[in-house]
C-alpha cells in the first residue's frame, strides 16, 4: 500500500513540472546521463519548486536550475522541449533523433557535450565566440554535436551548417589523402575548427595557408566520383571529365615528381590559373604552363585533358591515329616525347635545334611520325618529308624491330640522311657503326622486316664486292715531315704513290665506282648514321 502511495506522490510531483512542450512526449525512463534517469531530474526540479522566476537561481549542485530544466527538455522529450527557462540548445533538427550515447569528435560523449553547451547557454548569438579559451569558435562544437549526436537526421545547426565538400555527404571519402599524410577528414575538420564558412571565408588564411588552397584540395580529392559543392568557386580541373582526375597520383616535370595532383592543382587554383597566365612564372622561374602540363599529362588517368596552354604537338595527320603508349625508344613513350617537346615550346622553326641527346627536334619528330601513328605512314612531315624505306610506302611497320631497335627509330632514320639515295658504294660497303663489321649493304635486307616482309628500297643495289676502279693518292708534306693536306683524284690505274717525308711508297688502293654521277656527301652519311644508331640504341629523354 505504501508503494502505491509513493507512486502517487511521485506522480503528483511530476505533474507539477513537465520538461516537454507536449505533456505526452515526456519519457521518464529515458537517460539524462550515465547515472540518472529523466524522472530523477524531473522529480528534483519539482520537489524544489523550480519555476520560471527561479531559473537563474543556483541549485545545490552549484549550477543554475535553468541548466537542469533545459537538459531535461533536451533528453526527456519525444518532441519539442518546454520553454519554462527559455528554449534549450537543441543539437538535432528533430529532437527525437538525439542520441546521448553517441560520441562527438571534440567533446566526448554526446551527453557530456550537450550538457556543456547547455550549461554555457549556447545559442546562435555565441557562434563566433571563443569556446572556453580554446581558440576555436563555438560554432565548431555546435556543428560537431549536430553531425555526431543525431540519429537518421541532421543537426539543428544553430550556427549554420558545417562545411561539406560534397553535395552528397555519402560521397565524402574521409580517409583519402589529397595531400601527403593528411586525410580529407583532417583538412575538413581543420576548416570547420577555424570557423569556415561562418566565421572565416575563402579570402582568409588558416595556418598561413589560404583557405582556397585547402578547399581546392579537398574538392578535387575527397568526393570520389560525386559532385562538389564548390564553396570558393569552381576550381580549374586539368581533365575534360572532372571524374577522371586522380588526386593521389603524382605529377611530374622532366621525370621528377613535383607533388601530388591535388596539391599542385590546388596551387594553380589559388593563383587563379587560366590560359592568359601560361607564360607567367609561378615559382622559381617555372611557368604556369609547365605546371599545368605536368598535371594535365599525369593526373587524368586515361581520360582526355584540357590542355589549357595548347595541346602538345601531334605527329599524325589524323590525330586519332596517335598511339601515346607506344615506345619510340626503350622506356620512352610517344606521349612522353610529345609532352617534353611541348614543354620546351617546340615550333616548326626549331626542327634543326638540338633537343635531347645531341639530336635535333627533327630526329624525334620523324621517329614519332613513323612509330606513333599506327601502322600507316601517317606523319605530318613537320620537319620535312620522311623518306620511306619500303617500295610501297604503305607497307612500312614502324614498330617492327631491326637490330634490337624499332624500325621507326632506326632503319627509317637512315633514309633521313641528306641525299642518302646518292650514297656512294664506299659507304655501302663500310661498317655502319664503329666497332661493328656489318655494312650498310648487308644491313639493308633486314629492312624487309620494316616493310612487313615486302620489298624495300635498296640504295646499294648497284654496288658489287670487286674492285672496279683504282685511285692514285698523292700527299704533300711540310718541312717537318708531317702530313698536312691529302687530296684524292681518280685514275684508271691500280697503283698509287704516297710520299711521307723523304720516302715514297707505291701501294694499290681500291675504291668502288660511284652510283651514277652523284658526288660524295658534304657530311659523311657514315658519321651521321653511326651517331644516330648509337644514340637510338640507348635513347632516353
Protein backbone atom coordinates (compact mmCIF):
# COMPACT_ATOMS: atom_id res chain seq x y z
CA UNK A 1 0.00 0.00 0.00
CA UNK A 2 2.81 2.39 0.85
CA UNK A 3 4.42 1.76 -2.54
CA UNK A 4 1.22 2.85 -4.28
CA UNK A 5 1.15 5.96 -2.16
CA UNK A 6 4.75 6.71 -3.04
CA UNK A 7 3.99 6.35 -6.72
CA UNK A 8 1.01 8.65 -6.39
CA UNK A 9 3.12 11.22 -4.59
CA UNK A 10 5.77 10.95 -7.31
CA UNK A 11 3.15 11.29 -9.97
CA UNK A 12 1.75 14.37 -8.34
CA UNK A 13 5.24 15.85 -8.17
CA UNK A 14 5.87 15.11 -11.82
CA UNK A 15 2.57 16.71 -12.69
CA UNK A 16 3.99 19.92 -11.27
CA UNK A 17 6.77 20.07 -13.94
CA UNK A 18 6.93 18.60 -17.41
CA UNK A 19 10.05 19.30 -19.48
CA UNK A 20 8.22 18.87 -22.79
CA UNK A 21 6.06 21.22 -24.84
CA UNK A 22 3.55 18.39 -25.18
CA UNK A 23 2.92 16.53 -21.94
CA UNK A 24 2.58 13.21 -23.74
CA UNK A 25 6.11 13.45 -25.17
CA UNK A 26 7.70 13.01 -21.73
CA UNK A 27 9.87 9.86 -21.38
CA UNK A 28 10.54 9.35 -17.65
CA UNK A 29 12.69 6.25 -18.16
CA UNK A 30 15.00 7.85 -20.69
CA UNK A 31 18.55 8.51 -19.57
CA UNK A 32 19.69 12.03 -18.93
CA UNK A 33 23.23 10.95 -18.10
CA UNK A 34 25.11 7.76 -17.34
CA UNK A 35 23.87 7.95 -13.72
CA UNK A 36 20.38 9.44 -13.81
CA UNK A 37 17.07 8.83 -15.49
CA UNK A 38 14.82 11.64 -16.62
CA UNK A 39 12.39 11.03 -13.79
CA UNK A 40 15.20 11.60 -11.26
CA UNK A 41 15.92 15.09 -12.56
CA UNK A 42 12.27 15.97 -13.09
CA UNK A 43 11.43 14.92 -9.54
CA UNK A 44 14.36 17.01 -8.25
CA UNK A 45 13.17 20.07 -10.15
CA UNK A 46 9.58 19.56 -8.99
CA UNK A 47 10.45 18.95 -5.35
CA UNK A 48 12.44 22.19 -5.24
CA UNK A 49 9.52 24.15 -6.64
CA UNK A 50 11.51 25.49 -9.58
CA UNK A 51 9.54 27.96 -11.67
CA UNK A 52 10.21 30.43 -14.45
CA UNK A 53 11.11 33.01 -11.82
CA UNK A 54 13.78 30.80 -10.21
CA UNK A 55 15.53 29.55 -13.37
CA UNK A 56 18.65 31.58 -12.67
CA UNK A 57 18.87 30.58 -9.01
CA UNK A 58 21.64 28.20 -8.06
CA UNK A 59 20.83 24.61 -7.22
CA UNK A 60 22.59 22.58 -4.55
CA UNK A 61 24.73 21.15 -7.34
CA UNK A 62 26.33 24.52 -7.98
CA UNK A 63 24.57 25.08 -11.31
CA UNK A 64 21.52 27.24 -12.04
CA UNK A 65 18.19 25.43 -12.21
CA UNK A 66 17.93 26.58 -15.80
CA UNK A 67 20.66 24.06 -16.70
CA UNK A 68 18.69 21.09 -15.34
CA UNK A 69 15.40 22.29 -16.79
CA UNK A 70 16.85 22.66 -20.28
CA UNK A 71 18.86 19.43 -20.06
CA UNK A 72 15.65 17.60 -19.19
CA UNK A 73 13.93 19.23 -22.15
CA UNK A 74 16.67 18.01 -24.49
CA UNK A 75 16.93 14.47 -23.13
CA UNK A 76 13.48 13.52 -21.95
CA UNK A 77 11.08 14.53 -24.71
CA UNK A 78 10.00 12.64 -27.81
CA UNK A 79 9.06 16.00 -29.29
CA UNK A 80 9.90 19.63 -28.65
CA UNK A 81 11.12 20.66 -25.19
CA UNK A 82 9.27 23.10 -23.00
CA UNK A 83 10.45 26.68 -22.62
CA UNK A 84 9.92 27.38 -18.91
CA UNK A 85 13.52 28.62 -18.64
CA UNK A 86 13.86 29.50 -22.28
CA UNK A 87 14.37 27.14 -25.16
CA UNK A 88 17.43 24.96 -24.62
CA UNK A 89 20.25 24.28 -27.06
CA UNK A 90 18.87 21.65 -29.44
CA UNK A 91 21.50 19.51 -31.11
CA UNK A 92 19.13 17.92 -33.62
CA UNK A 93 16.61 19.30 -36.10
CA UNK A 94 14.23 16.61 -34.83
CA UNK A 95 14.59 16.39 -31.02
CA UNK A 96 13.59 12.72 -31.00
CA UNK A 97 16.71 11.91 -33.05
CA UNK A 98 19.06 12.94 -30.25
CA UNK A 99 21.37 10.07 -29.24
CA UNK A 100 23.04 10.89 -25.96
CA UNK A 101 25.09 7.66 -26.08
CA UNK A 102 26.88 8.66 -29.29
CA UNK A 103 30.30 10.28 -29.26
CA UNK A 104 31.48 13.57 -30.68
CA UNK A 105 34.95 14.12 -32.13
CA UNK A 106 35.69 17.07 -29.85
CA UNK A 107 33.83 16.92 -26.52
CA UNK A 108 33.47 13.23 -25.69
CA UNK A 109 30.03 11.69 -25.33
CA UNK A 110 27.03 13.50 -26.70
CA UNK A 111 25.58 13.62 -23.19
CA UNK A 112 28.69 15.44 -21.96
CA UNK A 113 28.90 17.72 -25.00
CA UNK A 114 25.23 18.69 -24.96
CA UNK A 115 25.36 19.20 -21.20
CA UNK A 116 28.30 21.57 -21.53
CA UNK A 117 26.78 23.53 -24.39
CA UNK A 118 23.54 23.75 -22.45
CA UNK A 119 25.31 24.92 -19.32
CA UNK A 120 27.03 27.65 -21.34
CA UNK A 121 23.68 28.79 -22.66
CA UNK A 122 24.79 28.23 -26.23
CA UNK A 123 22.69 29.94 -28.87
CA UNK A 124 23.19 31.49 -32.30
CA UNK A 125 24.48 34.62 -30.59
CA UNK A 126 27.55 32.78 -29.31
CA UNK A 127 28.62 31.02 -32.52
CA UNK A 128 31.70 33.14 -33.16
CA UNK A 129 32.76 33.28 -29.53
CA UNK A 130 35.99 31.65 -28.46
CA UNK A 131 34.91 28.39 -26.85
CA UNK A 132 36.30 28.39 -23.29
CA UNK A 133 39.63 29.87 -24.31
CA UNK A 134 40.33 27.08 -26.85
CA UNK A 135 40.93 29.47 -29.74
CA UNK A 136 38.19 27.64 -31.64
CA UNK A 137 34.81 29.23 -32.30
CA UNK A 138 31.79 27.77 -30.55
CA UNK A 139 30.27 27.04 -33.97
CA UNK A 140 32.71 24.17 -34.47
CA UNK A 141 31.50 22.31 -31.36
CA UNK A 142 27.86 23.03 -32.15
CA UNK A 143 28.33 21.61 -35.65
CA UNK A 144 30.27 18.64 -34.27
CA UNK A 145 27.38 17.77 -31.97
CA UNK A 146 24.90 18.17 -34.80
CA UNK A 147 26.90 15.78 -37.02
CA UNK A 148 27.61 13.25 -34.28
CA UNK A 149 24.58 13.08 -31.98
CA UNK A 150 21.52 12.87 -34.23
CA UNK A 151 20.06 9.57 -35.41
CA UNK A 152 18.85 9.39 -39.00
CA UNK A 153 18.80 13.09 -39.41
CA UNK A 154 20.65 16.36 -39.38
CA UNK A 155 21.67 18.65 -36.58
CA UNK A 156 19.82 21.82 -35.80
CA UNK A 157 22.95 23.76 -36.74
CA UNK A 158 22.05 26.94 -34.92
CA UNK A 159 25.46 28.24 -36.01
CA UNK A 160 24.94 27.32 -39.64
CA UNK A 161 25.53 24.04 -41.40
CA UNK A 162 29.08 22.72 -41.32
CA UNK A 163 31.19 22.89 -44.45
CA UNK A 164 30.66 19.83 -46.60
CA UNK A 165 32.94 19.23 -49.53
CA UNK A 166 30.50 17.07 -51.48
CA UNK A 167 26.92 17.76 -52.49
CA UNK A 168 26.02 14.31 -51.19
CA UNK A 169 27.62 13.67 -47.81
CA UNK A 170 27.86 9.95 -48.53
CA UNK A 171 30.30 10.71 -51.39
CA UNK A 172 32.83 12.12 -48.93
CA UNK A 173 35.95 9.95 -48.61
CA UNK A 174 37.35 10.81 -45.16
CA UNK A 175 40.44 8.61 -45.26
CA UNK A 176 41.74 9.61 -48.71
CA UNK A 177 44.86 11.77 -48.51
CA UNK A 178 44.69 14.61 -51.05
CA UNK A 179 47.90 15.93 -49.53
CA UNK A 180 50.65 13.56 -48.48
CA UNK A 181 50.00 12.37 -44.94
CA UNK A 182 46.87 14.50 -44.47
CA UNK A 183 43.41 13.00 -44.84
CA UNK A 184 40.25 14.61 -46.18
CA UNK A 185 38.72 14.30 -42.72
CA UNK A 186 41.62 16.19 -41.13
CA UNK A 187 41.55 19.04 -43.63
CA UNK A 188 37.79 19.48 -43.47
CA UNK A 189 37.91 19.26 -39.67
CA UNK A 190 40.57 21.95 -39.57
CA UNK A 191 38.47 24.24 -41.77
CA UNK A 192 35.47 23.71 -39.53
CA UNK A 193 37.54 24.39 -36.42
CA UNK A 194 38.68 27.64 -37.96
CA UNK A 195 35.03 28.61 -38.41
CA UNK A 196 34.69 28.16 -42.15
CA UNK A 197 32.38 29.24 -43.70
CA UNK A 198 30.52 31.18 -40.97
CA UNK A 199 33.41 32.97 -39.26
CA UNK A 200 36.08 32.96 -41.94
CA UNK A 201 35.75 32.87 -45.71
CA UNK A 202 37.59 31.96 -48.88
CA UNK A 203 39.84 35.02 -48.74
CA UNK A 204 41.20 34.16 -45.28
CA UNK A 205 44.16 32.03 -44.22
CA UNK A 206 44.40 29.05 -41.89
CA UNK A 207 47.87 28.29 -40.53
CA UNK A 208 49.25 30.80 -43.05
CA UNK A 209 47.78 28.83 -45.94
CA UNK A 210 44.91 30.31 -47.97
CA UNK A 211 41.54 28.74 -47.32
CA UNK A 212 41.11 28.47 -51.09
CA UNK A 213 44.08 26.12 -51.24
CA UNK A 214 42.53 23.76 -48.72
CA UNK A 215 39.12 23.99 -50.36
CA UNK A 216 40.51 23.21 -53.80
CA UNK A 217 42.50 20.31 -52.35
CA UNK A 218 39.52 18.58 -50.75
CA UNK A 219 37.09 19.38 -53.52
CA UNK A 220 39.44 17.88 -56.09
CA UNK A 221 40.31 14.87 -53.99
CA UNK A 222 37.63 13.94 -51.46
CA UNK A 223 34.35 13.30 -53.29
CA UNK A 224 35.25 10.31 -55.43
CA UNK A 225 33.00 10.42 -58.47
CA UNK A 226 30.42 12.56 -56.68
CA UNK A 227 29.50 16.18 -57.26
CA UNK A 228 31.31 19.00 -55.48
CA UNK A 229 29.89 21.96 -53.57
CA UNK A 230 32.45 24.48 -54.90
CA UNK A 231 32.48 26.60 -51.75
CA UNK A 232 35.02 29.04 -53.20
CA UNK A 233 34.07 28.88 -56.86
CA UNK A 234 34.59 26.18 -59.46
CA UNK A 235 38.25 25.10 -59.37
CA UNK A 236 40.29 24.59 -62.51
CA UNK A 237 40.40 20.91 -63.42
CA UNK A 238 43.01 19.55 -65.87
CA UNK A 239 40.64 16.84 -67.10
CA UNK A 240 37.81 17.31 -69.58
CA UNK A 241 35.73 14.95 -67.48
CA UNK A 242 36.16 16.04 -63.85
CA UNK A 243 35.72 12.49 -62.51
CA UNK A 244 38.86 11.38 -64.41
CA UNK A 245 41.01 13.46 -62.07
CA UNK A 246 43.36 11.30 -59.97
CA UNK A 247 44.12 13.41 -56.87
CA UNK A 248 46.51 10.96 -55.24
CA UNK A 249 48.70 10.43 -58.30
CA UNK A 250 51.99 12.31 -58.61
CA UNK A 251 52.64 14.99 -61.19
CA UNK A 252 55.99 15.00 -62.99
CA UNK A 253 58.20 17.60 -64.65
CA UNK A 254 61.16 16.25 -66.60
CA UNK A 255 60.72 12.87 -64.95
CA UNK A 256 60.80 14.26 -61.41
CA UNK A 257 57.80 14.28 -59.10
CA UNK A 258 56.66 17.77 -58.14
CA UNK A 259 53.98 16.63 -55.70
CA UNK A 260 50.51 15.18 -55.64
CA UNK A 261 48.00 16.07 -58.33
CA UNK A 262 45.57 17.55 -55.81
CA UNK A 263 48.28 19.66 -54.18
CA UNK A 264 49.55 21.08 -57.46
CA UNK A 265 46.08 21.76 -58.83
CA UNK A 266 45.23 23.48 -55.54
CA UNK A 267 48.23 25.76 -56.01
CA UNK A 268 47.20 26.58 -59.58
CA UNK A 269 43.69 27.34 -58.40
CA UNK A 270 44.95 29.56 -55.62
CA UNK A 271 46.76 31.69 -58.17
CA UNK A 272 43.66 31.73 -60.36
CA UNK A 273 45.39 29.97 -63.22
CA UNK A 274 43.92 30.49 -66.67
CA UNK A 275 45.20 30.42 -70.25
CA UNK A 276 46.30 34.05 -70.10
CA UNK A 277 48.85 33.16 -67.40
CA UNK A 278 50.54 30.31 -69.27
CA UNK A 279 53.82 32.15 -69.83
CA UNK A 280 53.94 33.80 -66.41
CA UNK A 281 56.28 32.49 -63.73
CA UNK A 282 54.62 30.52 -60.97
CA UNK A 283 57.66 29.68 -58.85
CA UNK A 284 61.45 29.69 -59.21
CA UNK A 285 61.33 30.61 -62.87
CA UNK A 286 58.96 27.76 -63.76
CA UNK A 287 55.92 28.89 -65.71
CA UNK A 288 52.26 28.15 -65.11
CA UNK A 289 52.33 26.31 -68.42
CA UNK A 290 54.94 23.86 -67.17
CA UNK A 291 52.99 23.05 -64.02
CA UNK A 292 49.68 22.90 -65.87
CA UNK A 293 51.07 20.44 -68.39
CA UNK A 294 52.52 18.36 -65.57
CA UNK A 295 49.06 17.78 -64.09
CA UNK A 296 47.36 17.55 -67.47
CA UNK A 297 49.62 14.69 -68.51
CA UNK A 298 49.87 12.99 -65.09
CA UNK A 299 46.53 13.43 -63.36
CA UNK A 300 43.71 12.35 -65.70
CA UNK A 301 44.34 8.63 -65.98
CA UNK A 302 43.24 7.57 -69.44
CA UNK A 303 40.78 10.45 -69.76
CA UNK A 304 41.03 13.46 -72.04
CA UNK A 305 42.95 16.55 -70.94
CA UNK A 306 42.04 20.21 -71.08
CA UNK A 307 45.44 21.47 -72.33
CA UNK A 308 44.83 25.00 -71.12
CA UNK A 309 48.01 26.30 -72.73
CA UNK A 310 47.56 24.46 -76.03
CA UNK A 311 47.72 20.82 -76.99
CA UNK A 312 51.08 19.06 -77.37
CA UNK A 313 52.29 18.52 -80.91
CA UNK A 314 50.57 15.58 -82.58
CA UNK A 315 52.78 13.97 -85.23
CA UNK A 316 49.92 12.26 -87.04
CA UNK A 317 47.94 13.58 -89.99
CA UNK A 318 44.87 12.02 -88.38
CA UNK A 319 45.14 13.00 -84.68
CA UNK A 320 43.16 9.97 -83.52
CA UNK A 321 45.85 7.69 -85.02
CA UNK A 322 48.27 8.82 -82.33
CA UNK A 323 49.31 5.98 -80.01
CA UNK A 324 50.57 7.63 -76.79
CA UNK A 325 51.81 4.48 -75.04
CA UNK A 326 53.92 3.09 -77.88
CA UNK A 327 57.65 3.49 -77.18
CA UNK A 328 59.85 5.38 -79.63
CA UNK A 329 62.88 4.16 -77.68
CA UNK A 330 63.23 1.84 -74.68
CA UNK A 331 61.40 3.39 -71.76
CA UNK A 332 60.28 6.46 -73.70
CA UNK A 333 56.68 6.63 -74.88
CA UNK A 334 55.29 8.65 -77.75
CA UNK A 335 53.35 10.77 -75.26
CA UNK A 336 56.46 11.44 -73.17
CA UNK A 337 58.33 12.70 -76.23
CA UNK A 338 55.45 14.93 -77.29
CA UNK A 339 54.99 16.27 -73.75
CA UNK A 340 58.66 17.11 -73.45
CA UNK A 341 58.66 18.88 -76.79
CA UNK A 342 55.51 20.76 -75.86
CA UNK A 343 57.02 21.87 -72.55
CA UNK A 344 60.12 23.03 -74.45
CA UNK A 345 57.88 25.12 -76.70
CA UNK A 346 58.55 23.26 -79.94
CA UNK A 347 57.65 25.05 -83.16
CA UNK A 348 58.35 24.08 -86.74
CA UNK A 349 61.12 26.67 -86.96
CA UNK A 350 63.00 24.70 -84.29
CA UNK A 351 63.36 21.47 -86.30
CA UNK A 352 67.13 21.79 -86.59
CA UNK A 353 67.67 22.94 -83.00
CA UNK A 354 69.18 20.43 -80.58
CA UNK A 355 66.53 18.87 -78.38
CA UNK A 356 68.00 15.94 -76.41
CA UNK A 357 70.90 13.54 -76.66
CA UNK A 358 72.63 15.92 -79.08
CA UNK A 359 69.92 15.13 -81.60
CA UNK A 360 67.72 17.80 -83.20
CA UNK A 361 63.98 18.06 -82.81
CA UNK A 362 63.67 16.74 -86.36
CA UNK A 363 65.09 13.37 -85.29
CA UNK A 364 62.40 12.92 -82.66
CA UNK A 365 59.65 14.29 -84.85
CA UNK A 366 60.44 11.85 -87.63
CA UNK A 367 60.76 8.96 -85.21
CA UNK A 368 57.35 9.82 -83.79
CA UNK A 369 55.84 10.19 -87.25
CA UNK A 370 56.94 6.65 -88.08
CA UNK A 371 56.22 4.93 -84.76
CA UNK A 372 53.32 6.76 -83.14
CA UNK A 373 50.69 6.98 -85.87
CA UNK A 374 49.53 3.41 -86.20
CA UNK A 375 50.57 1.07 -88.97
CA UNK A 376 50.15 3.68 -91.68
CA UNK A 377 52.84 6.12 -92.71
CA UNK A 378 50.79 8.87 -91.21
CA UNK A 379 53.25 11.56 -90.19
CA UNK A 380 52.68 15.23 -90.95
CA UNK A 381 56.19 15.82 -92.25
CA UNK A 382 56.56 18.82 -89.94
CA UNK A 383 60.34 18.75 -90.21
CA UNK A 384 60.46 17.60 -93.81
CA UNK A 385 59.10 14.59 -95.60
CA UNK A 386 60.39 11.36 -94.15
CA UNK A 387 61.71 9.10 -96.88
CA UNK A 388 60.19 5.65 -96.75
CA UNK A 389 62.41 2.55 -96.83
CA UNK A 390 59.66 0.49 -98.46
CA UNK A 391 58.93 0.42 -102.17
CA UNK A 392 55.30 0.58 -101.24
CA UNK A 393 55.22 3.30 -98.53
CA UNK A 394 52.06 1.85 -97.03
CA UNK A 395 53.94 -1.34 -96.12
CA UNK A 396 56.12 0.37 -93.50
CA UNK A 397 55.75 -1.03 -89.95
CA UNK A 398 57.31 1.49 -87.57
CA UNK A 399 57.02 -0.75 -84.51
CA UNK A 400 58.81 -3.71 -86.12
CA UNK A 401 62.31 -4.46 -84.83
CA UNK A 402 65.65 -4.20 -86.59
CA UNK A 403 68.92 -4.78 -84.74
CA UNK A 404 67.04 -4.54 -81.45
CA UNK A 405 65.54 -1.16 -82.28
CA UNK A 406 62.19 -0.17 -83.72
CA UNK A 407 62.16 0.44 -87.43
CA UNK A 408 60.65 3.84 -86.92
CA UNK A 409 63.62 4.86 -84.82
CA UNK A 410 66.50 3.11 -86.54
CA UNK A 411 66.07 1.72 -90.03
CA UNK A 412 63.99 4.57 -91.31
CA UNK A 413 66.33 7.08 -89.72
CA UNK A 414 68.96 6.10 -92.26
CA UNK A 415 66.75 7.42 -95.00
CA UNK A 416 66.67 10.86 -93.43
CA UNK A 417 70.37 11.47 -94.07
CA UNK A 418 70.56 14.17 -96.72
CA UNK A 419 70.89 12.75 -100.23
CA UNK A 420 71.02 9.19 -98.92
CA UNK A 421 69.84 7.95 -102.31
CA UNK A 422 73.05 9.41 -103.77
CA UNK A 423 75.16 7.36 -101.35
CA UNK A 424 78.36 6.03 -102.92
CA UNK A 425 79.45 2.41 -102.85
CA UNK A 426 82.27 3.10 -100.40
CA UNK A 427 79.58 3.98 -97.90
CA UNK A 428 77.54 0.91 -98.82
CA UNK A 429 80.47 -1.43 -98.16
CA UNK A 430 81.72 0.25 -94.99
CA UNK A 431 80.68 -0.65 -91.40
CA UNK A 432 77.51 1.11 -90.32
CA UNK A 433 78.74 1.68 -86.77
CA UNK A 434 82.16 1.84 -85.23
CA UNK A 435 83.22 -1.44 -83.74
CA UNK A 436 80.93 -3.48 -85.99
CA UNK A 437 81.66 -5.26 -89.20
CA UNK A 438 78.18 -5.17 -90.68
CA UNK A 439 77.97 -2.88 -93.69
CA UNK A 440 75.08 -0.82 -94.93
CA UNK A 441 74.66 -3.19 -97.88
CA UNK A 442 74.50 -6.18 -95.52
CA UNK A 443 72.08 -4.42 -93.24
CA UNK A 444 69.61 -3.27 -95.84
CA UNK A 445 67.92 -6.67 -96.42
CA UNK A 446 66.86 -6.70 -92.79
CA UNK A 447 64.87 -3.64 -93.71
CA UNK A 448 62.41 -6.07 -95.24
CA UNK A 449 61.07 -6.65 -91.72
CA UNK A 450 60.30 -2.95 -91.55
CA UNK A 451 58.17 -3.35 -94.63
CA UNK A 452 56.11 -6.23 -93.36
CA UNK A 453 58.16 -8.68 -95.39
CA UNK A 454 57.57 -6.72 -98.57
CA UNK A 455 60.06 -5.13 -100.99
CA UNK A 456 62.37 -2.46 -99.62
CA UNK A 457 64.40 0.30 -101.27
CA UNK A 458 67.96 -0.91 -101.81
CA UNK A 459 70.25 2.09 -102.16
CA UNK A 460 73.23 -0.24 -102.61
CA UNK A 461 71.74 -2.40 -105.35
CA UNK A 462 74.43 -1.39 -107.89
CA UNK A 463 77.36 -1.97 -105.59
CA UNK A 464 79.24 -5.24 -106.01
CA UNK A 465 82.13 -6.63 -103.99
CA UNK A 466 85.01 -6.42 -106.55
CA UNK A 467 87.42 -3.66 -107.45
CA UNK A 468 86.08 -1.62 -110.36
CA UNK A 469 88.34 1.44 -110.22
CA UNK A 470 91.58 2.45 -108.58
CA UNK A 471 92.74 5.75 -107.23
CA UNK A 472 96.11 7.46 -107.10
CA UNK A 473 96.56 9.32 -103.85
CA UNK A 474 99.39 11.85 -103.52
CA UNK A 475 100.32 13.53 -100.28
CA UNK A 476 102.26 16.73 -99.79
CA UNK A 477 104.25 17.23 -96.62
CA UNK A 478 105.55 20.09 -94.57
CA UNK A 479 109.21 20.73 -93.91
CA UNK A 480 108.90 18.85 -90.65
CA UNK A 481 107.88 15.73 -92.49
CA UNK A 482 104.31 15.52 -91.13
CA UNK A 483 101.29 15.25 -93.38
CA UNK A 484 99.23 18.43 -93.65
CA UNK A 485 96.85 18.02 -96.59
CA UNK A 486 95.76 14.99 -98.57
CA UNK A 487 93.86 15.18 -101.84
CA UNK A 488 92.37 12.33 -103.83
CA UNK A 489 91.91 12.12 -107.58
CA UNK A 490 90.54 9.22 -109.62
CA UNK A 491 92.58 7.47 -112.33
CA UNK A 492 92.37 4.31 -114.34
CA UNK A 493 95.40 2.70 -112.78
CA UNK A 494 95.51 0.37 -109.83
CA UNK A 495 98.54 1.89 -108.13
CA UNK A 496 99.17 4.99 -106.08
CA UNK A 497 102.22 6.68 -104.65
CA UNK A 498 102.25 8.03 -101.13
CA UNK A 499 105.06 10.31 -100.08
CA UNK A 500 105.80 10.71 -96.37
CA UNK A 501 108.81 12.83 -95.63
CA UNK A 502 111.63 11.76 -97.94
CA UNK A 503 110.17 8.32 -98.57
CA UNK A 504 107.84 7.34 -101.39
CA UNK A 505 105.82 4.14 -101.20
CA UNK A 506 103.81 2.67 -104.07
CA UNK A 507 100.65 0.85 -102.96
CA UNK A 508 97.48 -0.36 -104.55
CA UNK A 509 94.27 1.13 -103.17
CA UNK A 510 90.75 0.47 -104.34
CA UNK A 511 87.55 2.40 -104.33
CA UNK A 512 84.31 1.28 -105.90
CA UNK A 513 82.62 3.32 -108.54
CA UNK A 514 80.09 5.90 -107.62
CA UNK A 515 76.45 5.31 -108.32
CA UNK A 516 75.66 7.41 -111.36
CA UNK A 517 77.03 10.93 -111.21
CA UNK A 518 76.31 11.53 -107.51
CA UNK A 519 79.04 13.23 -105.54
CA UNK A 520 80.26 12.42 -102.05
CA UNK A 521 78.10 14.00 -99.35
CA UNK A 522 79.39 17.16 -97.78
CA UNK A 523 78.78 15.44 -94.43
CA UNK A 524 79.61 11.75 -94.39
CA UNK A 525 76.47 9.61 -94.07
CA UNK A 526 78.51 7.13 -92.06
CA UNK A 527 79.22 9.70 -89.40
CA UNK A 528 75.57 10.64 -89.17
CA UNK A 529 74.35 7.05 -89.26
CA UNK A 530 76.82 5.92 -86.63
CA UNK A 531 75.85 8.72 -84.28
CA UNK A 532 72.15 8.17 -84.79
CA UNK A 533 72.33 4.40 -84.46
CA UNK A 534 74.40 4.59 -81.30
CA UNK A 535 72.07 7.21 -79.88
CA UNK A 536 68.87 5.35 -80.66
CA UNK A 537 70.05 2.14 -79.04
CA UNK A 538 70.38 3.95 -75.71
CA UNK A 539 67.97 6.81 -76.26
CA UNK A 540 66.19 8.10 -73.24
CA UNK A 541 64.73 11.53 -72.86
